Amino acid sequence: MRARLAIAVSKQQCELREVILRDKPPALLQASPKGTVPVLVLPHGKVIDESLDIMLWALGQSDPEGWMKPQHASHDEMMALIATCDQDFKPALDRYKYPDRYEGADAMANRAAGAAWLSGLNSRLERSAYIYGQKPCLADAAIMPFVRQFAHVDREWFDAQPWRPLQVWLAGWLESDLFRSVMGKYAQWREGPGVAFP
């Protein structure tokens, strides 16, 4: 989702191939043997197979909304926050959402760890509409999809937390035209051309 957000906001166009991971097509494994999504194959053959790297590539081509320039932080500070999301919050999210996939995972302990990280994010959002000011930046788009996943594990519990700024921020993203534009449903891709995106 975050790769799609950056591709859409940067006005890049690509050929989208919807993959179901339990039925991985050979073309996916040929492009990226690790077999995860997203994978972006550039026209000259370079492969980018990490979502944040795809975001950085897309915004490096065009950044009409200024996502790479947070209002109230340096670029390095923004990237450091995204790194803590990916390294600290995302593992807790995965073990909260899918405890059966991780030996010895305690869903409630991981929910507590994720909640502690989200409390810090909520504190940031008490000061401004977005993480680093009054307009979104890369940090918002890179972090929001994981907050959305966390919220949907137990929406009643999430909504009952004292995180009003975080909840308003998430709702704003989910109701945005940009988010809706990247959340279209696509048929599973089979060999042949994909569909134009966005």
N, C-alpha and C. Protein backbone atom coordinates (compact mmCIF):
# COMPACT_ATOMS: atom_id res chain seq x y z
N MET A 1 0.81 -1.20 0.00
CA MET A 1 0.00 0.00 0.00
C MET A 1 0.86 1.27 0.00
N ARG A 2 1.94 1.26 0.80
CA ARG A 2 2.72 2.50 0.84
C ARG A 2 3.47 2.73 -0.46
N ALA A 3 3.89 1.68 -1.12
CA ALA A 3 4.51 1.84 -2.43
C ALA A 3 3.51 2.42 -3.42
N ARG A 4 2.29 1.93 -3.39
CA ARG A 4 1.25 2.45 -4.30
C ARG A 4 0.96 3.91 -4.02
N LEU A 5 0.94 4.29 -2.74
CA LEU A 5 0.69 5.70 -2.40
C LEU A 5 1.74 6.61 -3.02
N ALA A 6 3.00 6.23 -2.90
CA ALA A 6 4.08 7.07 -3.42
C ALA A 6 4.07 7.09 -4.95
N ILE A 7 3.79 5.97 -5.58
CA ILE A 7 3.71 5.94 -7.04
C ILE A 7 2.59 6.85 -7.52
N ALA A 8 1.45 6.79 -6.83
CA ALA A 8 0.31 7.62 -7.23
C ALA A 8 0.58 9.10 -7.01
N VAL A 9 1.11 9.47 -5.84
CA VAL A 9 1.30 10.89 -5.55
C VAL A 9 2.41 11.48 -6.41
N SER A 10 3.36 10.65 -6.82
CA SER A 10 4.45 11.15 -7.67
C SER A 10 4.07 11.16 -9.15
N LYS A 11 2.86 10.66 -9.43
CA LYS A 11 2.33 10.64 -10.79
C LYS A 11 3.16 9.77 -11.74
N GLN A 12 3.79 8.76 -11.16
CA GLN A 12 4.46 7.76 -11.98
C GLN A 12 3.40 6.76 -12.46
N GLN A 13 3.63 6.18 -13.58
CA GLN A 13 2.71 5.16 -14.07
C GLN A 13 3.46 3.85 -14.19
N CYS A 14 2.77 2.78 -13.87
CA CYS A 14 3.39 1.47 -13.98
C CYS A 14 2.34 0.46 -14.41
N GLU A 15 2.80 -0.72 -14.67
CA GLU A 15 1.92 -1.83 -15.01
C GLU A 15 1.77 -2.66 -13.75
N LEU A 16 0.56 -2.73 -13.23
CA LEU A 16 0.30 -3.42 -11.96
C LEU A 16 -0.03 -4.88 -12.22
N ARG A 17 0.62 -5.74 -11.46
CA ARG A 17 0.35 -7.18 -11.53
C ARG A 17 0.00 -7.64 -10.12
N GLU A 18 -1.26 -7.89 -9.89
CA GLU A 18 -1.74 -8.30 -8.57
C GLU A 18 -1.33 -9.75 -8.31
N VAL A 19 -0.63 -9.97 -7.21
CA VAL A 19 -0.10 -11.30 -6.89
C VAL A 19 -0.75 -11.81 -5.61
N ILE A 20 -1.14 -13.06 -5.62
CA ILE A 20 -1.59 -13.76 -4.41
C ILE A 20 -0.41 -14.60 -3.94
N LEU A 21 0.07 -14.33 -2.74
CA LEU A 21 1.35 -14.90 -2.31
C LEU A 21 1.30 -16.42 -2.13
N ARG A 22 0.13 -16.98 -1.92
CA ARG A 22 0.06 -18.44 -1.82
C ARG A 22 0.11 -19.11 -3.19
N ASP A 23 0.07 -18.30 -4.25
CA ASP A 23 0.12 -18.81 -5.62
C ASP A 23 1.06 -17.91 -6.42
N LYS A 24 2.35 -17.91 -6.04
CA LYS A 24 3.32 -16.98 -6.60
C LYS A 24 3.63 -17.34 -8.05
N PRO A 25 3.49 -16.39 -8.97
CA PRO A 25 3.83 -16.68 -10.36
C PRO A 25 5.34 -16.75 -10.55
N PRO A 26 5.79 -17.56 -11.50
CA PRO A 26 7.24 -17.67 -11.75
C PRO A 26 7.89 -16.32 -12.05
N ALA A 27 7.16 -15.40 -12.71
CA ALA A 27 7.74 -14.10 -13.04
C ALA A 27 8.11 -13.31 -11.79
N LEU A 28 7.34 -13.46 -10.70
CA LEU A 28 7.68 -12.79 -9.45
C LEU A 28 8.98 -13.34 -8.89
N LEU A 29 9.09 -14.65 -8.85
CA LEU A 29 10.29 -15.28 -8.29
C LEU A 29 11.52 -15.04 -9.16
N GLN A 30 11.30 -14.88 -10.45
CA GLN A 30 12.42 -14.56 -11.34
C GLN A 30 12.92 -13.14 -11.08
N ALA A 31 11.99 -12.22 -10.85
CA ALA A 31 12.37 -10.83 -10.59
C ALA A 31 12.98 -10.68 -9.20
N SER A 32 12.39 -11.37 -8.21
CA SER A 32 12.85 -11.25 -6.83
C SER A 32 12.72 -12.61 -6.14
N PRO A 33 13.79 -13.36 -6.04
CA PRO A 33 13.72 -14.71 -5.48
C PRO A 33 13.17 -14.79 -4.07
N LYS A 34 13.21 -13.66 -3.31
CA LYS A 34 12.67 -13.74 -1.95
C LYS A 34 11.15 -13.90 -1.95
N GLY A 35 10.50 -13.58 -3.07
CA GLY A 35 9.09 -13.91 -3.25
C GLY A 35 8.11 -13.10 -2.42
N THR A 36 8.49 -11.89 -2.05
CA THR A 36 7.57 -11.01 -1.33
C THR A 36 7.15 -9.86 -2.24
N VAL A 37 6.12 -9.16 -1.84
CA VAL A 37 5.68 -7.98 -2.58
C VAL A 37 5.81 -6.78 -1.66
N PRO A 38 5.95 -5.58 -2.23
CA PRO A 38 5.93 -5.27 -3.66
C PRO A 38 7.30 -5.49 -4.31
N VAL A 39 7.25 -5.61 -5.63
CA VAL A 39 8.44 -5.67 -6.46
C VAL A 39 8.22 -4.72 -7.62
N LEU A 40 9.16 -3.82 -7.83
CA LEU A 40 9.10 -2.90 -8.97
C LEU A 40 10.25 -3.24 -9.90
N VAL A 41 9.90 -3.55 -11.14
CA VAL A 41 10.90 -3.83 -12.16
C VAL A 41 10.93 -2.62 -13.10
N LEU A 42 12.05 -1.92 -13.12
CA LEU A 42 12.18 -0.73 -13.95
C LEU A 42 12.43 -1.11 -15.40
N PRO A 43 12.16 -0.20 -16.35
CA PRO A 43 12.30 -0.54 -17.78
C PRO A 43 13.66 -1.09 -18.17
N HIS A 44 14.73 -0.63 -17.52
CA HIS A 44 16.08 -1.10 -17.87
C HIS A 44 16.45 -2.38 -17.12
N GLY A 45 15.50 -2.92 -16.33
CA GLY A 45 15.71 -4.21 -15.68
C GLY A 45 16.07 -4.16 -14.21
N LYS A 46 16.39 -2.99 -13.66
CA LYS A 46 16.69 -2.90 -12.23
C LYS A 46 15.46 -3.28 -11.43
N VAL A 47 15.66 -4.03 -10.34
CA VAL A 47 14.56 -4.49 -9.49
C VAL A 47 14.66 -3.80 -8.13
N ILE A 48 13.54 -3.26 -7.68
CA ILE A 48 13.44 -2.68 -6.33
C ILE A 48 12.39 -3.50 -5.60
N ASP A 49 12.80 -4.18 -4.53
CA ASP A 49 11.85 -5.10 -3.89
C ASP A 49 11.63 -4.83 -2.40
N GLU A 50 11.77 -3.57 -2.02
CA GLU A 50 11.40 -3.13 -0.68
C GLU A 50 10.45 -1.94 -0.83
N SER A 51 9.37 -1.94 -0.08
CA SER A 51 8.35 -0.91 -0.27
C SER A 51 8.90 0.50 -0.02
N LEU A 52 9.71 0.69 1.01
CA LEU A 52 10.26 2.02 1.28
C LEU A 52 11.18 2.46 0.15
N ASP A 53 11.96 1.54 -0.38
CA ASP A 53 12.84 1.88 -1.50
C ASP A 53 12.04 2.26 -2.74
N ILE A 54 10.90 1.61 -2.94
CA ILE A 54 10.03 1.99 -4.06
C ILE A 54 9.49 3.40 -3.84
N MET A 55 9.10 3.72 -2.61
CA MET A 55 8.63 5.07 -2.30
C MET A 55 9.71 6.10 -2.62
N LEU A 56 10.93 5.81 -2.17
CA LEU A 56 12.02 6.76 -2.39
C LEU A 56 12.33 6.91 -3.88
N TRP A 57 12.26 5.81 -4.62
CA TRP A 57 12.48 5.90 -6.06
C TRP A 57 11.42 6.78 -6.70
N ALA A 58 10.13 6.50 -6.39
CA ALA A 58 9.03 7.25 -7.02
C ALA A 58 9.14 8.74 -6.70
N LEU A 59 9.38 9.07 -5.44
CA LEU A 59 9.47 10.47 -5.05
C LEU A 59 10.75 11.13 -5.56
N GLY A 60 11.76 10.32 -5.84
CA GLY A 60 12.96 10.84 -6.47
C GLY A 60 12.72 11.24 -7.92
N GLN A 61 11.72 10.63 -8.55
CA GLN A 61 11.35 11.00 -9.92
C GLN A 61 10.53 12.29 -9.93
N SER A 62 9.61 12.39 -8.97
CA SER A 62 8.72 13.55 -8.90
C SER A 62 8.10 13.61 -7.51
N ASP A 63 8.11 14.78 -6.91
CA ASP A 63 7.58 14.96 -5.56
C ASP A 63 6.70 16.21 -5.51
N PRO A 64 5.58 16.19 -6.25
CA PRO A 64 4.77 17.40 -6.35
C PRO A 64 4.14 17.86 -5.03
N GLU A 65 3.96 16.95 -4.07
CA GLU A 65 3.37 17.32 -2.78
C GLU A 65 4.42 17.63 -1.72
N GLY A 66 5.69 17.53 -2.08
CA GLY A 66 6.75 17.84 -1.11
C GLY A 66 6.88 16.82 0.01
N TRP A 67 6.60 15.57 -0.26
CA TRP A 67 6.67 14.55 0.78
C TRP A 67 8.08 14.35 1.32
N MET A 68 9.09 14.65 0.52
CA MET A 68 10.46 14.44 0.96
C MET A 68 10.99 15.60 1.81
N LYS A 69 10.16 16.63 1.98
CA LYS A 69 10.59 17.81 2.74
C LYS A 69 9.62 18.06 3.89
N PRO A 70 9.78 17.35 5.00
CA PRO A 70 8.87 17.57 6.14
C PRO A 70 8.98 19.00 6.66
N GLN A 71 7.85 19.54 7.12
CA GLN A 71 7.82 20.94 7.55
C GLN A 71 8.67 21.17 8.80
N HIS A 72 8.60 20.26 9.76
CA HIS A 72 9.22 20.52 11.06
C HIS A 72 10.21 19.43 11.47
N ALA A 73 10.96 18.94 10.52
CA ALA A 73 12.01 17.96 10.82
C ALA A 73 12.98 17.93 9.65
N SER A 74 14.15 17.43 9.91
CA SER A 74 15.10 17.22 8.82
C SER A 74 14.75 15.93 8.10
N HIS A 75 15.31 15.77 6.92
CA HIS A 75 15.12 14.53 6.18
C HIS A 75 15.64 13.34 6.99
N ASP A 76 16.78 13.51 7.65
CA ASP A 76 17.36 12.42 8.44
C ASP A 76 16.47 12.05 9.62
N GLU A 77 15.88 13.06 10.28
CA GLU A 77 14.97 12.77 11.39
C GLU A 77 13.75 11.99 10.91
N MET A 78 13.22 12.38 9.76
CA MET A 78 12.07 11.68 9.19
C MET A 78 12.43 10.23 8.88
N MET A 79 13.57 10.00 8.25
CA MET A 79 13.97 8.64 7.90
C MET A 79 14.23 7.81 9.15
N ALA A 80 14.73 8.43 10.20
CA ALA A 80 14.98 7.71 11.46
C ALA A 80 13.66 7.25 12.08
N LEU A 81 12.63 8.09 12.02
CA LEU A 81 11.33 7.69 12.55
C LEU A 81 10.75 6.53 11.75
N ILE A 82 10.86 6.60 10.43
CA ILE A 82 10.38 5.50 9.60
C ILE A 82 11.14 4.22 9.94
N ALA A 83 12.42 4.33 10.19
CA ALA A 83 13.22 3.15 10.54
C ALA A 83 12.74 2.54 11.85
N THR A 84 12.38 3.35 12.84
CA THR A 84 11.89 2.78 14.09
C THR A 84 10.54 2.10 13.87
N CYS A 85 9.73 2.65 12.98
CA CYS A 85 8.47 1.99 12.64
C CYS A 85 8.75 0.61 12.05
N ASP A 86 9.64 0.57 11.08
CA ASP A 86 9.91 -0.68 10.37
C ASP A 86 10.63 -1.70 11.26
N GLN A 87 11.49 -1.23 12.16
CA GLN A 87 12.30 -2.13 12.96
C GLN A 87 11.67 -2.50 14.31
N ASP A 88 10.84 -1.62 14.85
CA ASP A 88 10.25 -1.84 16.18
C ASP A 88 8.75 -2.11 16.11
N PHE A 89 8.02 -1.21 15.46
CA PHE A 89 6.56 -1.35 15.44
C PHE A 89 6.10 -2.48 14.52
N LYS A 90 6.67 -2.60 13.33
CA LYS A 90 6.21 -3.60 12.37
C LYS A 90 6.39 -5.03 12.89
N PRO A 91 7.50 -5.40 13.51
CA PRO A 91 7.59 -6.75 14.07
C PRO A 91 6.54 -7.02 15.15
N ALA A 92 6.27 -6.02 16.00
CA ALA A 92 5.23 -6.20 17.01
C ALA A 92 3.86 -6.36 16.35
N LEU A 93 3.60 -5.56 15.33
CA LEU A 93 2.35 -5.69 14.58
C LEU A 93 2.20 -7.10 14.01
N ASP A 94 3.24 -7.60 13.35
CA ASP A 94 3.15 -8.93 12.73
C ASP A 94 2.86 -10.01 13.76
N ARG A 95 3.48 -9.91 14.92
CA ARG A 95 3.30 -10.94 15.96
C ARG A 95 1.99 -10.77 16.71
N TYR A 96 1.43 -9.59 16.67
CA TYR A 96 0.08 -9.35 17.23
C TYR A 96 -0.98 -9.84 16.25
N LYS A 97 -0.79 -9.56 14.98
CA LYS A 97 -1.78 -9.91 13.96
C LYS A 97 -1.74 -11.40 13.61
N TYR A 98 -0.54 -11.96 13.56
CA TYR A 98 -0.37 -13.36 13.14
C TYR A 98 0.45 -14.15 14.17
N PRO A 99 -0.01 -14.29 15.41
CA PRO A 99 0.83 -14.95 16.42
C PRO A 99 1.14 -16.41 16.08
N ASP A 100 0.29 -17.07 15.32
CA ASP A 100 0.52 -18.48 14.98
C ASP A 100 1.71 -18.66 14.04
N ARG A 101 2.10 -17.60 13.34
CA ARG A 101 3.22 -17.70 12.41
C ARG A 101 4.58 -17.57 13.09
N TYR A 102 4.57 -17.16 14.37
CA TYR A 102 5.83 -16.90 15.06
C TYR A 102 5.88 -17.74 16.33
N GLU A 103 6.84 -18.63 16.38
CA GLU A 103 6.96 -19.52 17.53
C GLU A 103 7.16 -18.71 18.81
N GLY A 104 6.33 -19.00 19.77
CA GLY A 104 6.42 -18.34 21.07
C GLY A 104 5.87 -16.93 21.11
N ALA A 105 5.23 -16.48 20.02
CA ALA A 105 4.70 -15.11 20.00
C ALA A 105 3.52 -14.98 20.95
N ASP A 106 3.51 -13.94 21.72
CA ASP A 106 2.42 -13.62 22.63
C ASP A 106 1.70 -12.42 22.06
N ALA A 107 0.49 -12.64 21.54
CA ALA A 107 -0.23 -11.56 20.84
C ALA A 107 -0.44 -10.35 21.74
N MET A 108 -0.81 -10.57 22.99
CA MET A 108 -1.11 -9.43 23.86
C MET A 108 0.16 -8.68 24.26
N ALA A 109 1.27 -9.39 24.42
CA ALA A 109 2.53 -8.70 24.71
C ALA A 109 2.96 -7.86 23.51
N ASN A 110 2.74 -8.38 22.33
CA ASN A 110 3.09 -7.63 21.13
C ASN A 110 2.12 -6.48 20.89
N ARG A 111 0.86 -6.66 21.26
CA ARG A 111 -0.07 -5.53 21.18
C ARG A 111 0.40 -4.42 22.11
N ALA A 112 0.84 -4.78 23.31
CA ALA A 112 1.32 -3.78 24.26
C ALA A 112 2.56 -3.06 23.72
N ALA A 113 3.46 -3.81 23.09
CA ALA A 113 4.66 -3.19 22.51
C ALA A 113 4.28 -2.24 21.38
N GLY A 114 3.35 -2.67 20.52
CA GLY A 114 2.88 -1.80 19.45
C GLY A 114 2.17 -0.57 19.99
N ALA A 115 1.39 -0.77 21.05
CA ALA A 115 0.67 0.35 21.65
C ALA A 115 1.62 1.39 22.23
N ALA A 116 2.72 0.93 22.81
CA ALA A 116 3.70 1.87 23.36
C ALA A 116 4.28 2.73 22.24
N TRP A 117 4.57 2.12 21.10
CA TRP A 117 5.10 2.88 19.97
C TRP A 117 4.06 3.85 19.45
N LEU A 118 2.81 3.40 19.37
CA LEU A 118 1.74 4.28 18.88
C LEU A 118 1.46 5.43 19.83
N SER A 119 1.67 5.23 21.11
CA SER A 119 1.48 6.34 22.07
C SER A 119 2.45 7.47 21.76
N GLY A 120 3.68 7.12 21.38
CA GLY A 120 4.64 8.14 20.98
C GLY A 120 4.22 8.86 19.72
N LEU A 121 3.68 8.10 18.76
CA LEU A 121 3.19 8.72 17.52
C LEU A 121 2.01 9.63 17.83
N ASN A 122 1.13 9.20 18.72
CA ASN A 122 -0.01 10.03 19.12
C ASN A 122 0.46 11.35 19.73
N SER A 123 1.51 11.28 20.51
CA SER A 123 2.05 12.52 21.12
C SER A 123 2.51 13.50 20.07
N ARG A 124 3.15 12.99 19.00
CA ARG A 124 3.55 13.86 17.90
C ARG A 124 2.33 14.51 17.26
N LEU A 125 1.27 13.72 17.09
CA LEU A 125 0.08 14.21 16.38
C LEU A 125 -0.78 15.12 17.25
N GLU A 126 -0.47 15.22 18.53
CA GLU A 126 -1.15 16.21 19.37
C GLU A 126 -0.72 17.63 19.00
N ARG A 127 0.44 17.76 18.35
CA ARG A 127 0.99 19.08 18.02
C ARG A 127 0.64 19.56 16.62
N SER A 128 0.27 18.63 15.72
CA SER A 128 -0.01 19.02 14.34
C SER A 128 -0.87 17.95 13.68
N ALA A 129 -1.48 18.31 12.57
CA ALA A 129 -2.39 17.40 11.87
C ALA A 129 -1.67 16.19 11.30
N TYR A 130 -0.40 16.37 10.94
CA TYR A 130 0.40 15.28 10.40
C TYR A 130 1.65 15.14 11.26
N ILE A 131 2.44 14.13 11.00
CA ILE A 131 3.55 13.80 11.89
C ILE A 131 4.53 14.95 12.04
N TYR A 132 4.81 15.66 10.94
CA TYR A 132 5.79 16.74 11.00
C TYR A 132 5.23 18.07 10.53
N GLY A 133 3.98 18.33 10.77
CA GLY A 133 3.45 19.63 10.39
C GLY A 133 2.01 19.56 9.94
N GLN A 134 1.62 20.55 9.15
CA GLN A 134 0.23 20.66 8.72
C GLN A 134 -0.01 20.06 7.34
N LYS A 135 0.98 19.38 6.81
CA LYS A 135 0.79 18.67 5.54
C LYS A 135 1.52 17.33 5.61
N PRO A 136 1.02 16.35 4.87
CA PRO A 136 1.65 15.03 4.95
C PRO A 136 3.04 15.01 4.33
N CYS A 137 3.83 14.07 4.80
CA CYS A 137 5.16 13.85 4.24
C CYS A 137 5.37 12.35 4.11
N LEU A 138 6.56 11.98 3.68
CA LEU A 138 6.87 10.57 3.49
C LEU A 138 6.60 9.76 4.76
N ALA A 139 6.92 10.30 5.93
CA ALA A 139 6.71 9.56 7.17
C ALA A 139 5.25 9.16 7.34
N ASP A 140 4.34 10.07 7.07
CA ASP A 140 2.91 9.76 7.22
C ASP A 140 2.52 8.59 6.32
N ALA A 141 2.90 8.68 5.06
CA ALA A 141 2.50 7.66 4.09
C ALA A 141 3.21 6.33 4.33
N ALA A 142 4.43 6.37 4.85
CA ALA A 142 5.18 5.14 5.09
C ALA A 142 4.69 4.41 6.34
N ILE A 143 4.18 5.16 7.32
CA ILE A 143 3.76 4.58 8.60
C ILE A 143 2.28 4.22 8.62
N MET A 144 1.45 5.04 7.97
CA MET A 144 0.01 4.85 8.05
C MET A 144 -0.48 3.45 7.72
N PRO A 145 0.02 2.79 6.66
CA PRO A 145 -0.51 1.45 6.35
C PRO A 145 -0.34 0.45 7.49
N PHE A 146 0.75 0.58 8.25
CA PHE A 146 0.97 -0.33 9.37
C PHE A 146 0.05 0.01 10.55
N VAL A 147 -0.21 1.30 10.77
CA VAL A 147 -1.16 1.69 11.80
C VAL A 147 -2.55 1.18 11.43
N ARG A 148 -2.90 1.26 10.16
CA ARG A 148 -4.20 0.74 9.70
C ARG A 148 -4.31 -0.75 10.00
N GLN A 149 -3.26 -1.51 9.69
CA GLN A 149 -3.30 -2.94 9.97
C GLN A 149 -3.47 -3.21 11.47
N PHE A 150 -2.72 -2.47 12.28
CA PHE A 150 -2.80 -2.64 13.73
C PHE A 150 -4.20 -2.36 14.22
N ALA A 151 -4.80 -1.28 13.73
CA ALA A 151 -6.15 -0.89 14.15
C ALA A 151 -7.17 -1.96 13.80
N HIS A 152 -7.00 -2.60 12.66
CA HIS A 152 -8.01 -3.56 12.19
C HIS A 152 -7.93 -4.92 12.87
N VAL A 153 -6.88 -5.20 13.62
CA VAL A 153 -6.82 -6.47 14.34
C VAL A 153 -7.95 -6.52 15.37
N ASP A 154 -8.16 -5.43 16.08
CA ASP A 154 -9.25 -5.34 17.06
C ASP A 154 -9.69 -3.88 17.08
N ARG A 155 -10.59 -3.55 16.16
CA ARG A 155 -10.97 -2.15 15.98
C ARG A 155 -11.63 -1.56 17.22
N GLU A 156 -12.42 -2.36 17.89
CA GLU A 156 -13.09 -1.85 19.10
C GLU A 156 -12.06 -1.46 20.15
N TRP A 157 -11.05 -2.30 20.34
CA TRP A 157 -9.99 -1.99 21.30
C TRP A 157 -9.23 -0.74 20.87
N PHE A 158 -8.85 -0.68 19.59
CA PHE A 158 -8.08 0.46 19.09
C PHE A 158 -8.85 1.76 19.29
N ASP A 159 -10.14 1.75 18.96
CA ASP A 159 -10.95 2.97 19.08
C ASP A 159 -11.15 3.39 20.53
N ALA A 160 -11.00 2.46 21.47
CA ALA A 160 -11.19 2.78 22.89
C ALA A 160 -9.94 3.35 23.53
N GLN A 161 -8.81 3.37 22.80
CA GLN A 161 -7.56 3.89 23.38
C GLN A 161 -7.58 5.42 23.39
N PRO A 162 -6.84 6.03 24.31
CA PRO A 162 -6.82 7.50 24.44
C PRO A 162 -5.90 8.15 23.41
N TRP A 163 -6.17 7.84 22.15
CA TRP A 163 -5.32 8.28 21.05
C TRP A 163 -6.11 9.08 20.04
N ARG A 164 -6.85 10.07 20.51
CA ARG A 164 -7.72 10.80 19.59
C ARG A 164 -6.96 11.42 18.41
N PRO A 165 -5.82 12.09 18.61
CA PRO A 165 -5.11 12.64 17.45
C PRO A 165 -4.70 11.56 16.44
N LEU A 166 -4.23 10.43 16.94
CA LEU A 166 -3.84 9.33 16.06
C LEU A 166 -5.05 8.78 15.30
N GLN A 167 -6.16 8.64 15.99
CA GLN A 167 -7.37 8.12 15.36
C GLN A 167 -7.90 9.07 14.28
N VAL A 168 -7.84 10.36 14.55
CA VAL A 168 -8.28 11.35 13.55
C VAL A 168 -7.34 11.33 12.34
N TRP A 169 -6.03 11.24 12.60
CA TRP A 169 -5.04 11.17 11.52
C TRP A 169 -5.29 9.96 10.64
N LEU A 170 -5.50 8.81 11.25
CA LEU A 170 -5.73 7.59 10.48
C LEU A 170 -7.02 7.70 9.67
N ALA A 171 -8.08 8.19 10.30
CA ALA A 171 -9.36 8.33 9.59
C ALA A 171 -9.21 9.27 8.40
N GLY A 172 -8.46 10.35 8.57
CA GLY A 172 -8.25 11.29 7.47
C GLY A 172 -7.58 10.62 6.27
N TRP A 173 -6.60 9.79 6.55
CA TRP A 173 -5.94 9.05 5.46
C TRP A 173 -6.91 8.09 4.79
N LEU A 174 -7.65 7.34 5.60
CA LEU A 174 -8.53 6.31 5.04
C LEU A 174 -9.68 6.91 4.23
N GLU A 175 -10.03 8.15 4.53
CA GLU A 175 -11.12 8.81 3.80
C GLU A 175 -10.62 9.66 2.64
N SER A 176 -9.31 9.72 2.45
CA SER A 176 -8.75 10.59 1.42
C SER A 176 -8.93 10.02 0.02
N ASP A 177 -9.00 10.92 -0.94
CA ASP A 177 -9.09 10.49 -2.34
C ASP A 177 -7.86 9.69 -2.75
N LEU A 178 -6.69 10.09 -2.25
CA LEU A 178 -5.46 9.37 -2.61
C LEU A 178 -5.53 7.93 -2.14
N PHE A 179 -5.91 7.72 -0.89
CA PHE A 179 -5.99 6.36 -0.37
C PHE A 179 -6.99 5.53 -1.17
N ARG A 180 -8.14 6.10 -1.40
CA ARG A 180 -9.17 5.37 -2.15
C ARG A 180 -8.70 5.03 -3.56
N SER A 181 -7.90 5.92 -4.14
CA SER A 181 -7.46 5.68 -5.51
C SER A 181 -6.49 4.52 -5.62
N VAL A 182 -5.78 4.18 -4.54
CA VAL A 182 -4.82 3.08 -4.61
C VAL A 182 -5.36 1.76 -4.06
N MET A 183 -6.57 1.79 -3.55
CA MET A 183 -7.12 0.60 -2.91
C MET A 183 -8.08 -0.18 -3.80
N GLY A 184 -8.01 0.05 -5.11
CA GLY A 184 -8.86 -0.69 -6.02
C GLY A 184 -8.59 -2.18 -5.93
N LYS A 185 -9.59 -2.96 -6.25
CA LYS A 185 -9.45 -4.42 -6.27
C LYS A 185 -9.08 -4.84 -7.69
N TYR A 186 -8.12 -5.72 -7.79
CA TYR A 186 -7.66 -6.20 -9.09
C TYR A 186 -7.68 -7.72 -9.09
N ALA A 187 -7.95 -8.27 -10.24
CA ALA A 187 -7.94 -9.72 -10.38
C ALA A 187 -6.51 -10.23 -10.25
N GLN A 188 -6.37 -11.48 -9.81
CA GLN A 188 -5.05 -12.09 -9.72
C GLN A 188 -4.41 -12.09 -11.10
N TRP A 189 -3.14 -11.65 -11.13
CA TRP A 189 -2.43 -11.56 -12.40
C TRP A 189 -2.00 -12.94 -12.87
N ARG A 190 -2.18 -13.15 -14.16
CA ARG A 190 -1.65 -14.34 -14.84
C ARG A 190 -0.64 -13.86 -15.87
N GLU A 191 0.06 -14.74 -16.49
CA GLU A 191 1.08 -14.36 -17.45
C GLU A 191 0.51 -13.43 -18.51
N GLY A 192 1.24 -12.37 -18.82
CA GLY A 192 0.78 -11.38 -19.80
C GLY A 192 0.85 -9.99 -19.21
N PRO A 193 0.33 -8.99 -19.91
CA PRO A 193 0.41 -7.61 -19.40
C PRO A 193 -0.40 -7.44 -18.12
N GLY A 194 0.02 -6.45 -17.33
CA GLY A 194 -0.73 -6.07 -16.15
C GLY A 194 -1.73 -4.98 -16.52
N VAL A 195 -2.23 -4.27 -15.50
CA VAL A 195 -3.16 -3.17 -15.73
C VAL A 195 -2.45 -1.86 -15.43
N ALA A 196 -2.87 -0.81 -16.08
CA ALA A 196 -2.25 0.50 -15.85
C ALA A 196 -2.55 0.98 -14.44
N PHE A 197 -1.54 1.52 -13.77
CA PHE A 197 -1.70 2.05 -12.43
C PHE A 197 -0.87 3.33 -12.31
N PRO A 198 -1.32 4.39 -11.69
CA PRO A 198 -2.69 4.48 -11.15
C PRO A 198 -3.70 4.80 -12.25
